[in-house]
Protein backbone atom coordinates (compact mmCIF):
# COMPACT_ATOMS: atom_id res chain seq x y z
CA MET A 1 -12.98 46.99 34.59
CA LYS A 2 -14.67 46.91 31.20
CA ARG A 3 -11.42 45.41 29.64
CA ARG A 4 -11.55 42.63 32.20
CA LYS A 5 -14.86 41.80 31.47
CA LEU A 6 -14.36 41.56 27.88
CA LEU A 7 -10.96 39.59 28.33
CA PHE A 8 -13.08 37.21 30.52
CA ASN A 9 -15.60 36.79 27.76
CA GLN A 10 -13.06 36.17 25.06
CA THR A 11 -11.49 33.57 26.93
CA ARG A 12 -14.98 31.74 27.64
CA PHE A 13 -15.68 32.15 23.85
CA ILE A 14 -12.12 30.47 23.21
CA ILE A 15 -12.94 27.46 25.49
CA VAL A 16 -16.46 26.93 24.00
CA VAL A 17 -14.97 26.70 20.69
CA LEU A 18 -12.00 24.24 21.80
CA LEU A 19 -14.46 22.00 23.62
CA ALA A 20 -16.78 21.97 20.41
CA GLY A 21 -14.32 21.29 18.05
CA SER A 22 -12.88 18.30 20.48
CA VAL A 23 -16.58 17.11 20.30
CA VAL A 24 -16.72 17.18 16.48
CA GLY A 25 -12.83 15.64 16.28
CA ILE A 26 -14.29 12.74 18.24
CA ILE A 27 -17.56 11.86 16.24
CA TYR A 28 -15.64 12.44 12.96
CA THR A 29 -13.10 10.21 14.31
CA GLY A 30 -15.62 7.35 15.05
CA ASN A 31 -17.25 7.77 11.63
CA LYS A 32 -14.07 7.44 9.98
CA ASP A 33 -13.77 4.09 11.48
CA GLN A 34 -16.99 3.02 10.28
CA GLN A 35 -16.33 4.21 6.74
CA ILE A 36 -12.94 2.33 6.52
CA ALA A 37 -14.89 -0.70 8.04
CA ASP A 38 -17.86 -0.33 5.23
CA GLY A 39 -15.11 0.04 2.69
CA VAL A 40 -13.41 -3.33 3.27
CA PRO A 41 -14.55 -5.53 0.19
CA ALA A 42 -15.74 -8.73 0.80
CA PRO A 43 -13.51 -11.87 0.12
CA LEU A 44 -13.01 -13.04 -3.36
CA SER A 45 -14.68 -16.06 -4.61
CA ILE A 46 -13.16 -17.83 -7.87
CA THR A 47 -15.22 -19.82 -10.35
CA THR A 48 -13.88 -22.05 -13.19
CA SER A 49 -15.93 -22.75 -16.44
CA ALA A 50 -16.36 -26.32 -15.19
CA GLU A 51 -18.12 -25.28 -11.96
CA GLN A 52 -20.67 -23.01 -13.87
CA LEU A 53 -20.34 -20.12 -11.58
CA THR A 54 -20.10 -22.30 -8.13
CA SER A 55 -17.65 -20.53 -5.51
CA PHE A 56 -14.53 -22.18 -4.90
CA SER A 57 -12.39 -20.86 -1.99
CA PRO A 58 -8.92 -22.63 -2.18
CA SER A 59 -7.73 -24.48 0.94
CA PRO A 60 -6.19 -22.29 3.60
CA GLU A 61 -2.98 -24.77 3.38
CA VAL A 62 -2.45 -23.88 -0.20
CA GLN A 63 0.30 -21.64 -0.25
CA LEU A 64 0.80 -18.65 -2.48
CA PRO A 65 3.34 -19.92 -4.75
CA VAL A 66 6.66 -17.95 -5.67
CA TYR A 67 5.67 -15.45 -8.86
CA GLU A 68 6.86 -12.68 -10.67
CA ILE A 69 5.02 -9.96 -12.39
CA THR A 70 6.52 -10.11 -15.93
CA ASP A 71 4.02 -7.55 -17.44
CA GLU A 72 1.39 -5.32 -16.58
CA HIS A 73 -0.39 -2.44 -18.43
CA MET A 74 -3.87 -0.79 -17.83
CA ASP A 75 -5.84 0.23 -21.20
CA ASP A 76 -8.01 3.35 -21.73
CA SER A 77 -11.40 1.42 -20.66
CA GLY A 78 -9.97 0.67 -17.09
CA ILE A 79 -8.78 -3.17 -17.63
CA TRP A 80 -5.72 -3.86 -15.90
CA HIS A 81 -3.81 -6.72 -18.15
CA VAL A 82 -1.37 -8.50 -15.95
CA THR A 83 0.92 -11.45 -16.44
CA LEU A 84 2.41 -13.48 -13.96
CA SER A 85 5.30 -16.08 -14.29
CA THR A 86 5.65 -18.91 -11.88
CA LEU A 87 7.02 -22.32 -11.71
CA THR A 88 4.21 -24.19 -10.36
CA ALA A 89 1.66 -26.31 -12.42
CA ASN A 90 -0.60 -27.23 -9.24
CA GLN A 91 -4.05 -26.20 -10.17
CA GLN A 92 -4.75 -25.25 -6.64
CA GLU A 93 -1.63 -22.94 -6.24
CA LEU A 94 -2.70 -21.28 -9.48
CA LYS A 95 -6.31 -20.50 -8.50
CA LYS A 96 -4.53 -19.04 -5.25
CA LEU A 97 -2.10 -16.95 -7.73
CA VAL A 98 -5.14 -15.58 -9.73
CA GLN A 99 -6.88 -14.74 -6.83
CA HIS A 100 -4.09 -12.83 -5.49
CA ALA A 101 -3.40 -10.85 -8.46
CA CYS A 102 -7.04 -9.90 -8.41
CA SER A 103 -6.57 -8.78 -4.99
CA ILE A 104 -3.65 -6.67 -6.01
CA ALA A 105 -6.11 -4.86 -8.74
CA LEU A 106 -8.27 -3.61 -5.39
CA THR A 107 -5.18 -2.03 -4.20
CA LYS A 108 -4.10 0.04 -7.34
CA SER A 109 -4.27 3.95 -7.10
CA GLN A 110 -5.99 3.99 -10.66
CA ILE A 111 -9.46 2.94 -11.14
CA VAL A 112 -9.89 -0.42 -12.30
CA ASN A 113 -13.01 -1.91 -13.75
CA SER A 114 -11.67 -5.24 -14.42
CA VAL A 115 -8.70 -7.11 -14.17
CA PHE A 116 -7.39 -10.01 -16.79
CA VAL A 117 -4.79 -12.48 -15.50
CA ASP A 118 -2.46 -14.59 -17.56
CA VAL A 119 -0.27 -17.13 -15.83
CA VAL A 120 2.70 -18.28 -17.99
CA LYS A 121 5.53 -20.60 -16.91
CA ASN A 122 9.14 -19.45 -16.98
CA GLU A 123 8.20 -16.06 -18.37
CA LYS A 124 7.28 -17.35 -21.78
CA ALA A 125 4.21 -16.02 -23.14
CA SER A 126 3.40 -19.24 -25.38
CA SER A 127 3.35 -21.52 -22.13
CA LYS A 128 0.39 -20.31 -20.57
CA LEU A 129 -0.92 -22.10 -17.45
CA ALA A 130 -4.09 -20.43 -16.53
CA THR A 131 -6.26 -17.17 -16.95
CA GLY A 132 -8.52 -15.41 -14.82
CA LYS A 133 -10.33 -12.28 -14.85
CA MET A 134 -12.53 -10.34 -12.06
CA ALA A 135 -14.73 -7.39 -12.47
CA LEU A 136 -14.37 -4.44 -9.93
CA THR A 137 -17.24 -2.33 -11.27
CA SER A 138 -20.37 -2.25 -12.98
CA THR A 139 -18.32 -1.48 -16.19
CA GLY A 140 -16.19 -4.33 -15.39
CA GLU A 141 -18.96 -6.67 -15.34
CA ALA A 142 -19.73 -5.74 -19.02
CA GLN A 143 -16.16 -6.25 -19.90
CA THR A 144 -15.71 -9.70 -18.39
CA GLY A 145 -19.12 -10.87 -18.20
CA SER A 146 -19.24 -11.91 -14.72
CA LYS A 147 -20.51 -10.42 -11.35
CA LYS A 148 -18.55 -7.89 -9.61
CA MET A 149 -15.75 -9.68 -6.97
CA GLU A 150 -16.09 -12.76 -8.62
CA VAL A 151 -12.97 -14.50 -10.15
CA THR A 152 -13.40 -16.37 -12.86
CA PHE A 153 -10.61 -19.16 -13.58
CA GLN A 154 -9.48 -21.22 -16.19
CA LEU A 155 -6.89 -23.83 -16.29
CA ASN A 156 -5.13 -24.12 -19.88
CA SER A 157 -3.87 -27.80 -20.71
């Protein structure tokens, strides 16, 4: 008889542990979804030197032009330097391209403090069409001289 009672207590204990684990799993999953939602960055805004830090958001009908990353490297201070080659010279498309490059920096597995973008025509470094930069951290703010998550764009003539 004693064995049967002991087996019954062990079974009840296992059931209680499984139920408690299920509740904890459900609570953890709910918090994880909230953490993911909290971690999504705000949309990027673009400013140009001529706009004196006013926001710019390219119109939705402006499409991302065809481009190629021709050079990229990360320096020791967490600055990601990227050069994009494109055939377009349209100012709106170039702004969208700089914004896109900055959003790529957010997906890097390495810690990126800031990103500096050069857009060139036909892979020629001498034909720089535009430049841009964005700070991702407070260190990046010091490196770029701009606020976090704010894309600064400059069109080269």
